[in-house]
Amino acid sequence: MPITPTEKIWMNGELVDWESANIHILTHSLHYGMAVFEGVRAYETDDGPAVFRLREHMARLHDSAKIMMMDLPYTVDELCEAVRLTVRSTGLPSCYIRPIAYYGYGEMGLNTMPCEVDVAIACWPWGAYLGDDAVSKGVRMKISSWKRHDHNTTPPASKTSGNYVNSSLAKVEALKGGYDEAIMLNLAGLVSECTGENIFCARGGVLITPPLSAGALEGITQNSVMTIAADMGFECRIGELTRSDLYICDEMFVCGTAAEVSAVNSVDDRELPCPGPMTVAIAEEYARAVRGKVDAYKHWVDHVG
């Protein structure tokens, strides 16, 4: 989707004009993919824009950096306030938020220890990643020929820029094949996640989502969905899934900050019931929760002030 510019981007502690938020061509992370980032959304609420689970996202950014041995120059609290400031500066009622920490200009080579860490936060309007009708119509999925990387290759628990080369290869392969999204298997052949979303599959009335050990990212939306599902009385657990489980499941959906909750109508051309009843119920409650309309989840929304 094309990016719609806003007025300001936060860079290393100050707001700069959108067109001035530039980096040098020899920026270290551009060459080696050593950057960590987050995807966050702010939603329109009755009390103005509010960021969904802001602190959890900034804490995960710190965790990603720690895994990559990158020392962030800002605390979780400082990053939360920087996000609020950036969202306020856009004047938008809702937006997508992209914080990124990267090694900047001045050093080259694979040794990152001498490199300075830069941090930036940008916001812009962005609709549903898999389409506005992804809940009602569902999306077509393809099992990718590309495998999810292993824990001892590049750590999937860290939301690292370089890791998404793997996802991009799978995404483009799926799109060129006429599908909407790809499903990644790990080296053992078990279901891991999509290129940017966690997977939920219902078998026998039980919702199952793959474990972190399968290579799935610890999703904040995934955690929100599991909480909502349990509160609605649906049985939901973490468990291993094979591709055959997906072919014969009762219903299936994927979730993530960008995709929100999106139904799946087929996997490898095996049609699935779509949208399933649990998918619809959870998607509707999630949409209300992110907008501060559910009392039980109001602590998840952080008003920018």
Protein backbone atom coordinates (compact mmCIF):
# COMPACT_ATOMS: atom_id res chain seq x y z
CA MET A 1 0.00 0.00 0.00
CA PRO A 2 1.35 3.48 -0.79
CA ILE A 3 2.42 5.63 2.15
CA THR A 4 0.52 8.86 2.81
CA PRO A 5 2.97 11.42 4.26
CA THR A 6 2.20 13.22 7.51
CA GLU A 7 3.89 16.36 8.83
CA LYS A 8 6.48 15.05 11.27
CA ILE A 9 8.64 12.03 12.11
CA TRP A 10 10.31 11.58 15.50
CA MET A 11 14.06 10.99 15.12
CA ASN A 12 16.49 10.65 18.01
CA GLY A 13 14.47 12.77 20.41
CA GLU A 14 12.99 15.46 18.18
CA LEU A 15 10.25 15.91 15.61
CA VAL A 16 11.57 16.66 12.12
CA ASP A 17 9.73 17.42 8.90
CA TRP A 18 8.64 14.30 7.00
CA GLU A 19 10.77 15.16 3.95
CA SER A 20 13.82 15.81 6.15
CA ALA A 21 13.73 12.42 7.90
CA ASN A 22 16.64 11.04 5.88
CA ILE A 23 19.55 8.69 6.49
CA HIS A 24 22.94 8.31 4.78
CA ILE A 25 23.36 5.68 2.05
CA LEU A 26 26.10 4.11 4.19
CA THR A 27 23.84 3.64 7.22
CA HIS A 28 24.97 0.33 8.74
CA SER A 29 21.54 -1.31 9.05
CA LEU A 30 20.71 -0.61 5.39
CA HIS A 31 23.59 -2.90 4.45
CA TYR A 32 23.22 -5.68 7.03
CA GLY A 33 19.56 -5.68 8.09
CA MET A 34 20.42 -5.17 11.76
CA ALA A 35 17.43 -3.14 12.90
CA VAL A 36 14.48 -3.88 15.17
CA PHE A 37 11.03 -2.45 14.70
CA GLU A 38 7.39 -2.55 15.78
CA GLY A 39 4.01 -2.22 14.11
CA VAL A 40 1.46 -0.39 16.26
CA ARG A 41 -1.94 1.17 15.63
CA ALA A 42 -3.72 4.16 17.10
CA TYR A 43 -7.50 4.04 16.85
CA GLU A 44 -10.18 6.70 17.00
CA THR A 45 -12.04 6.59 20.33
CA ASP A 46 -14.66 8.74 22.04
CA ASP A 47 -11.77 10.43 23.90
CA GLY A 48 -9.53 11.04 20.90
CA PRO A 49 -6.83 8.85 19.35
CA ALA A 50 -5.53 6.01 21.51
CA VAL A 51 -2.66 3.60 20.88
CA PHE A 52 -3.47 -0.07 21.31
CA ARG A 53 -1.25 -1.83 23.86
CA LEU A 54 1.48 0.79 23.50
CA ARG A 55 3.62 -0.26 26.44
CA GLU A 56 3.64 -3.92 25.39
CA HIS A 57 4.85 -2.94 21.93
CA MET A 58 7.65 -0.76 23.27
CA ALA A 59 8.65 -3.48 25.73
CA ARG A 60 8.83 -5.97 22.84
CA LEU A 61 11.01 -3.51 20.91
CA HIS A 62 13.38 -3.52 23.88
CA ASP A 63 13.27 -7.33 24.01
CA SER A 64 14.05 -7.55 20.28
CA ALA A 65 17.01 -5.22 20.77
CA LYS A 66 18.30 -7.22 23.74
CA ILE A 67 18.19 -10.45 21.75
CA MET A 68 20.21 -8.72 19.00
CA MET A 69 22.66 -7.22 21.56
CA MET A 70 21.58 -3.71 20.57
CA ASP A 71 21.57 -1.11 23.36
CA LEU A 72 18.60 1.21 22.91
CA PRO A 73 19.27 4.80 24.04
CA TYR A 74 15.67 5.27 25.26
CA THR A 75 13.66 3.57 28.00
CA VAL A 76 10.27 1.98 27.43
CA ASP A 77 8.62 4.99 29.12
CA GLU A 78 10.52 7.44 26.91
CA LEU A 79 9.53 5.54 23.77
CA CYS A 80 5.88 5.47 24.86
CA GLU A 81 5.89 9.23 25.28
CA ALA A 82 7.65 9.67 21.93
CA VAL A 83 4.90 7.65 20.24
CA ARG A 84 2.19 9.78 21.88
CA LEU A 85 3.97 12.95 20.76
CA THR A 86 4.32 11.70 17.19
CA VAL A 87 0.68 10.60 16.94
CA ARG A 88 -0.46 13.98 18.33
CA SER A 89 1.67 15.78 15.75
CA THR A 90 -0.17 14.12 12.86
CA GLY A 91 -3.59 15.39 13.91
CA LEU A 92 -5.01 12.08 12.66
CA PRO A 93 -7.89 10.37 14.50
CA SER A 94 -6.27 6.97 13.76
CA CYS A 95 -3.00 5.83 12.20
CA TYR A 96 -0.39 3.12 11.82
CA ILE A 97 2.81 3.64 13.82
CA ARG A 98 6.28 2.36 12.88
CA PRO A 99 9.03 2.67 15.53
CA ILE A 100 12.46 1.45 14.37
CA ALA A 101 15.88 1.27 16.02
CA TYR A 102 18.87 0.85 13.74
CA TYR A 103 22.64 1.20 13.54
CA GLY A 104 23.39 4.53 11.92
CA TYR A 105 26.12 6.08 9.79
CA GLY A 106 29.80 6.06 10.79
CA GLU A 107 30.95 2.44 10.99
CA MET A 108 30.93 -0.36 8.41
CA GLY A 109 31.54 -4.07 8.75
CA LEU A 110 29.82 -6.89 10.61
CA ASN A 111 30.98 -5.80 14.07
CA THR A 112 28.09 -3.75 15.45
CA MET A 113 29.74 -2.92 18.78
CA PRO A 114 31.25 0.44 17.68
CA CYS A 115 28.00 1.55 15.98
CA GLU A 116 25.65 4.23 17.24
CA VAL A 117 21.98 3.29 17.62
CA ASP A 118 19.41 5.65 16.07
CA VAL A 119 15.68 5.52 16.77
CA ALA A 120 12.80 6.87 14.67
CA ILE A 121 9.00 6.80 14.88
CA ALA A 122 6.71 7.51 11.93
CA CYS A 123 2.90 7.54 11.66
CA TRP A 124 0.59 7.55 8.65
CA PRO A 125 -2.94 6.49 7.68
CA TRP A 126 -3.13 2.81 6.77
CA GLY A 127 -6.18 0.62 6.23
CA ALA A 128 -6.64 -3.09 6.83
CA TYR A 129 -3.54 -4.93 5.59
CA LEU A 130 -5.40 -7.88 4.02
CA GLY A 131 -8.39 -5.83 2.85
CA ASP A 132 -11.41 -4.17 4.43
CA ASP A 133 -13.54 -7.26 3.78
CA ALA A 134 -11.03 -9.76 5.16
CA VAL A 135 -13.36 -10.74 8.01
CA SER A 136 -16.45 -11.35 5.89
CA LYS A 137 -14.91 -12.75 2.68
CA GLY A 138 -11.71 -14.22 4.06
CA VAL A 139 -8.32 -14.52 2.37
CA ARG A 140 -6.72 -17.27 0.26
CA MET A 141 -3.65 -18.87 1.79
CA LYS A 142 -0.75 -20.84 0.31
CA ILE A 143 1.77 -22.99 2.15
CA SER A 144 5.07 -21.38 1.19
CA SER A 145 8.01 -23.22 -0.29
CA TRP A 146 10.15 -20.98 1.92
CA LYS A 147 10.69 -22.27 5.47
CA ARG A 148 10.53 -20.12 8.60
CA HIS A 149 14.05 -19.55 9.91
CA ASP A 150 15.29 -21.60 12.86
CA HIS A 151 15.93 -20.36 16.40
CA ASN A 152 19.64 -21.01 15.93
CA THR A 153 19.85 -19.29 12.54
CA THR A 154 18.34 -15.85 13.12
CA PRO A 155 16.16 -15.58 16.24
CA PRO A 156 12.46 -15.43 15.23
CA ALA A 157 11.60 -14.08 18.70
CA SER A 158 13.19 -10.76 17.70
CA LYS A 159 11.25 -8.50 15.34
CA THR A 160 14.35 -7.83 13.28
CA SER A 161 14.35 -6.19 9.85
CA GLY A 162 16.63 -8.81 8.30
CA ASN A 163 14.28 -11.61 9.36
CA TYR A 164 11.63 -10.22 7.01
CA VAL A 165 13.60 -11.13 3.89
CA ASN A 166 12.22 -14.60 4.61
CA SER A 167 8.68 -13.18 4.85
CA SER A 168 9.02 -11.06 1.70
CA LEU A 169 10.08 -14.05 -0.38
CA ALA A 170 7.06 -16.00 0.84
CA LYS A 171 4.65 -13.08 0.39
CA VAL A 172 5.66 -12.37 -3.21
CA GLU A 173 5.56 -16.07 -4.07
CA ALA A 174 1.98 -16.25 -2.75
CA LEU A 175 0.84 -13.09 -4.55
CA LYS A 176 2.35 -14.21 -7.86
CA GLY A 177 0.51 -17.51 -7.44
CA GLY A 178 -2.83 -15.70 -7.06
CA TYR A 179 -3.11 -16.01 -3.28
CA ASP A 180 -3.44 -13.29 -0.63
CA GLU A 181 -0.95 -14.53 1.94
CA ALA A 182 1.55 -17.30 2.70
CA ILE A 183 1.81 -19.72 5.61
CA MET A 184 5.31 -20.55 6.80
CA LEU A 185 6.31 -24.00 8.02
CA ASN A 186 9.40 -24.49 10.16
CA LEU A 187 12.27 -26.84 9.34
CA ALA A 188 10.41 -29.71 11.03
CA GLY A 189 7.42 -29.14 8.74
CA LEU A 190 5.11 -27.77 11.45
CA VAL A 191 3.02 -24.62 11.06
CA SER A 192 4.80 -21.51 12.34
CA GLU A 193 3.01 -18.32 11.25
CA CYS A 194 2.17 -16.26 8.17
CA THR A 195 4.54 -13.67 6.72
CA GLY A 196 3.36 -11.12 9.28
CA GLU A 197 0.46 -12.65 11.21
CA ASN A 198 -0.17 -15.31 13.84
CA ILE A 199 -2.45 -18.23 12.95
CA PHE A 200 -5.51 -19.59 14.76
CA CYS A 201 -7.07 -22.86 13.63
CA ALA A 202 -10.19 -24.47 15.13
CA ARG A 203 -10.33 -28.27 15.47
CA GLY A 204 -13.21 -29.88 17.34
CA GLY A 205 -14.37 -26.52 18.62
CA VAL A 206 -10.95 -25.70 20.14
CA LEU A 207 -8.87 -22.79 18.86
CA ILE A 208 -5.19 -23.68 18.46
CA THR A 209 -2.29 -21.32 17.76
CA PRO A 210 1.32 -22.49 17.16
CA PRO A 211 3.89 -22.18 19.96
CA LEU A 212 6.90 -19.87 19.97
CA SER A 213 9.08 -22.98 19.66
CA ALA A 214 7.62 -23.46 16.16
CA GLY A 215 9.17 -20.13 15.14
CA ALA A 216 6.11 -17.91 15.64
CA LEU A 217 6.59 -14.37 16.88
CA GLU A 218 5.08 -13.70 20.31
CA GLY A 219 2.19 -11.66 18.97
CA ILE A 220 0.58 -8.87 20.99
CA THR A 221 -2.57 -9.15 18.89
CA GLN A 222 -2.35 -12.92 19.33
CA ASN A 223 -2.29 -12.45 23.11
CA SER A 224 -5.24 -10.05 22.90
CA VAL A 225 -7.23 -12.55 20.82
CA MET A 226 -6.53 -15.37 23.27
CA THR A 227 -7.73 -13.21 26.15
CA ILE A 228 -10.88 -12.19 24.28
CA ALA A 229 -11.56 -15.79 23.22
CA ALA A 230 -11.25 -17.08 26.79
CA ASP A 231 -13.49 -14.30 28.12
CA MET A 232 -16.11 -15.24 25.52
CA GLY A 233 -16.03 -18.86 26.68
CA PHE A 234 -14.09 -20.31 23.74
CA GLU A 235 -11.47 -22.92 24.52
CA CYS A 236 -8.13 -21.70 23.20
CA ARG A 237 -4.70 -23.25 23.56
CA ILE A 238 -1.18 -23.21 22.20
CA GLY A 239 -0.32 -26.34 20.26
CA GLU A 240 1.52 -27.77 17.28
CA LEU A 241 -0.26 -27.79 13.91
CA THR A 242 0.51 -29.61 10.68
CA ARG A 243 -0.50 -28.40 7.23
CA SER A 244 -3.13 -31.18 7.17
CA ASP A 245 -4.73 -29.69 10.29
CA LEU A 246 -5.29 -26.50 8.33
CA TYR A 247 -6.86 -28.32 5.38
CA ILE A 248 -9.59 -29.91 7.52
CA CYS A 249 -10.12 -27.35 10.26
CA ASP A 250 -13.54 -26.07 11.34
CA GLU A 251 -12.51 -22.46 10.75
CA MET A 252 -9.33 -20.41 10.60
CA PHE A 253 -8.21 -16.83 11.01
CA VAL A 254 -4.98 -14.87 11.23
CA CYS A 255 -4.23 -11.81 13.31
CA GLY A 256 -1.67 -9.05 13.71
CA THR A 257 -1.46 -5.31 14.20
CA ALA A 258 -1.66 -4.60 10.47
CA ALA A 259 -4.09 -7.41 9.55
CA GLU A 260 -6.15 -7.14 12.77
CA VAL A 261 -8.42 -10.26 12.68
CA SER A 262 -8.82 -11.70 9.17
CA ALA A 263 -10.74 -14.85 8.24
CA VAL A 264 -9.23 -17.52 5.98
CA ASN A 265 -11.39 -19.03 3.24
CA SER A 266 -8.92 -21.58 1.84
CA VAL A 267 -5.49 -23.12 2.29
CA ASP A 268 -3.78 -24.57 -0.79
CA ASP A 269 -7.14 -24.47 -2.59
CA ARG A 270 -8.89 -26.50 0.13
CA GLU A 271 -11.96 -24.44 0.96
CA LEU A 272 -12.76 -23.73 4.60
CA PRO A 273 -15.99 -22.63 6.31
CA CYS A 274 -15.70 -18.84 6.19
CA PRO A 275 -16.23 -16.77 8.15
CA GLY A 276 -16.52 -19.14 11.10
CA PRO A 277 -18.65 -18.22 14.13
CA MET A 278 -15.71 -17.86 16.51
CA THR A 279 -13.84 -15.75 13.95
CA VAL A 280 -16.78 -13.35 13.58
CA ALA A 281 -17.38 -13.05 17.32
CA ILE A 282 -13.71 -12.48 18.16
CA ALA A 283 -13.20 -10.02 15.28
CA GLU A 284 -16.19 -7.93 16.39
CA GLU A 285 -15.07 -7.86 20.03
CA TYR A 286 -11.48 -7.04 19.02
CA ALA A 287 -12.70 -4.13 16.87
CA ARG A 288 -14.63 -2.77 19.86
CA ALA A 289 -11.74 -3.35 22.28
CA VAL A 290 -9.14 -1.42 20.25
CA ARG A 291 -11.53 1.57 20.17
CA GLY A 292 -11.97 1.61 23.94
CA LYS A 293 -15.55 0.39 23.85
CA VAL A 294 -15.11 -2.64 26.14
CA ASP A 295 -14.68 -1.83 29.84
CA ALA A 296 -12.71 -5.03 30.51
CA TYR A 297 -10.04 -4.01 27.99
CA LYS A 298 -9.84 -0.26 28.49
CA HIS A 299 -6.39 -0.71 30.04
CA TRP A 300 -5.21 -1.79 26.59
CA VAL A 301 -5.80 1.64 25.04
CA ASP A 302 -3.35 4.48 25.70
CA HIS A 303 -4.83 7.91 24.93
CA VAL A 304 -2.33 10.27 23.38
CA GLY A 305 -3.73 13.26 25.31
